Amino acid sequence: MLTEYASKILSSFDELGRVLRKEGKALIIEDDPLKVVITKERIEFYAFGEFQGFVSNTKEELSDLVSEEAKLWLQALANLHFKRFSLRK
């Protein structure tokens, strides 16, 4: 199930890039002590500055330390909806 969320997130990478902080070719979410790094290939999770695992389109490898928080972040990011608004003058 997490790989399905990851697939949705990775397919909307460019749209997410408009609202998330960019660092090089990655998108970053800081939720101290958790750090989420989204690249075009996978979503990585760090806790207290240490790598705790990743989720991609086909594979998930997460430590017990971040598995629940990672699931919540993946659900939230996968269910973001982007709608274009045009402002009237």
Protein backbone atom coordinates (compact mmCIF):
# COMPACT_ATOMS: atom_id res chain seq x y z
CA MET A 1 0.00 0.00 0.00
CA LEU A 2 2.83 2.46 0.75
CA THR A 3 4.24 1.89 -2.73
CA GLU A 4 0.89 3.03 -4.17
CA TYR A 5 1.11 6.26 -2.18
CA ALA A 6 4.70 6.70 -3.34
CA SER A 7 3.66 6.20 -6.95
CA LYS A 8 1.07 8.99 -6.65
CA ILE A 9 3.57 11.30 -4.98
CA LEU A 10 6.35 10.63 -7.46
CA SER A 11 4.00 11.20 -10.40
CA SER A 12 3.12 14.65 -8.99
CA PHE A 13 6.75 15.60 -8.24
CA ASP A 14 6.62 18.76 -10.39
CA GLU A 15 3.41 20.00 -8.78
CA LEU A 16 4.81 19.33 -5.30
CA GLY A 17 7.89 21.30 -6.28
CA ARG A 18 5.74 24.43 -6.43
CA VAL A 19 4.77 24.18 -2.76
CA LEU A 20 7.67 22.41 -1.04
CA ARG A 21 11.20 23.59 -0.31
CA LYS A 22 13.73 22.54 -2.93
CA GLU A 23 17.28 21.49 -2.17
CA GLY A 24 19.12 20.63 -5.36
CA LYS A 25 16.97 18.12 -7.22
CA ALA A 26 15.07 17.03 -4.10
CA LEU A 27 12.01 18.34 -2.28
CA ILE A 28 12.37 18.61 1.49
CA ILE A 29 9.90 18.47 4.37
CA GLU A 30 11.23 19.17 7.85
CA ASP A 31 9.07 17.80 10.66
CA ASP A 32 11.57 17.73 13.50
CA PRO A 33 12.99 15.18 14.23
CA LEU A 34 11.75 13.69 10.93
CA LYS A 35 13.03 14.80 7.54
CA VAL A 36 11.32 13.68 4.33
CA VAL A 37 13.35 13.90 1.12
CA ILE A 38 11.46 13.40 -2.13
CA THR A 39 13.39 12.70 -5.31
CA LYS A 40 12.02 11.61 -8.67
CA GLU A 41 12.90 7.99 -7.82
CA ARG A 42 11.93 7.55 -4.17
CA ILE A 43 10.92 9.12 -0.87
CA GLU A 44 13.53 8.91 1.89
CA PHE A 45 13.00 9.28 5.62
CA TYR A 46 15.54 10.50 8.16
CA ALA A 47 15.15 10.76 11.93
CA PHE A 48 17.59 12.62 14.13
CA GLY A 49 19.78 13.08 11.04
CA GLU A 50 20.07 9.34 10.34
CA PHE A 51 18.68 7.52 7.30
CA GLN A 52 15.71 5.37 8.34
CA GLY A 53 14.52 4.00 5.01
CA PHE A 54 12.68 4.77 1.81
CA VAL A 55 9.61 4.01 -0.26
CA SER A 56 9.58 3.86 -4.06
CA ASN A 57 7.11 2.75 -6.73
CA THR A 58 8.07 -0.86 -6.19
CA LYS A 59 9.76 -1.22 -2.82
CA GLU A 60 9.49 -0.09 0.78
CA GLU A 61 12.17 -0.37 3.42
CA LEU A 62 11.45 1.55 6.61
CA SER A 63 12.76 1.20 10.13
CA ASP A 64 10.30 0.66 12.96
CA LEU A 65 11.25 4.09 14.27
CA VAL A 66 9.66 5.95 11.33
CA SER A 67 7.20 3.49 9.82
CA GLU A 68 4.03 5.02 11.34
CA GLU A 69 5.05 8.65 10.69
CA ALA A 70 6.14 7.73 7.17
CA LYS A 71 2.75 6.17 6.49
CA LEU A 72 0.99 9.34 7.66
CA TRP A 73 3.21 11.58 5.52
CA LEU A 74 2.76 9.35 2.47
CA GLN A 75 -1.03 9.36 2.89
CA ALA A 76 -1.11 13.14 3.25
CA LEU A 77 1.17 13.81 0.27
CA ALA A 78 -0.62 11.31 -1.96
CA ASN A 79 -3.98 12.91 -1.26
CA LEU A 80 -3.00 16.51 -1.97
CA HIS A 81 -5.08 17.97 -4.76
CA PHE A 82 -3.78 20.70 -7.00
CA LYS A 83 -6.29 23.01 -8.57
CA ARG A 84 -5.49 25.99 -10.75
CA PHE A 85 -7.26 29.18 -9.82
CA SER A 86 -7.49 32.27 -11.97
CA LEU A 87 -7.75 35.53 -10.12
CA ARG A 88 -10.09 38.17 -11.41
CA LYS A 89 -9.11 41.80 -11.46
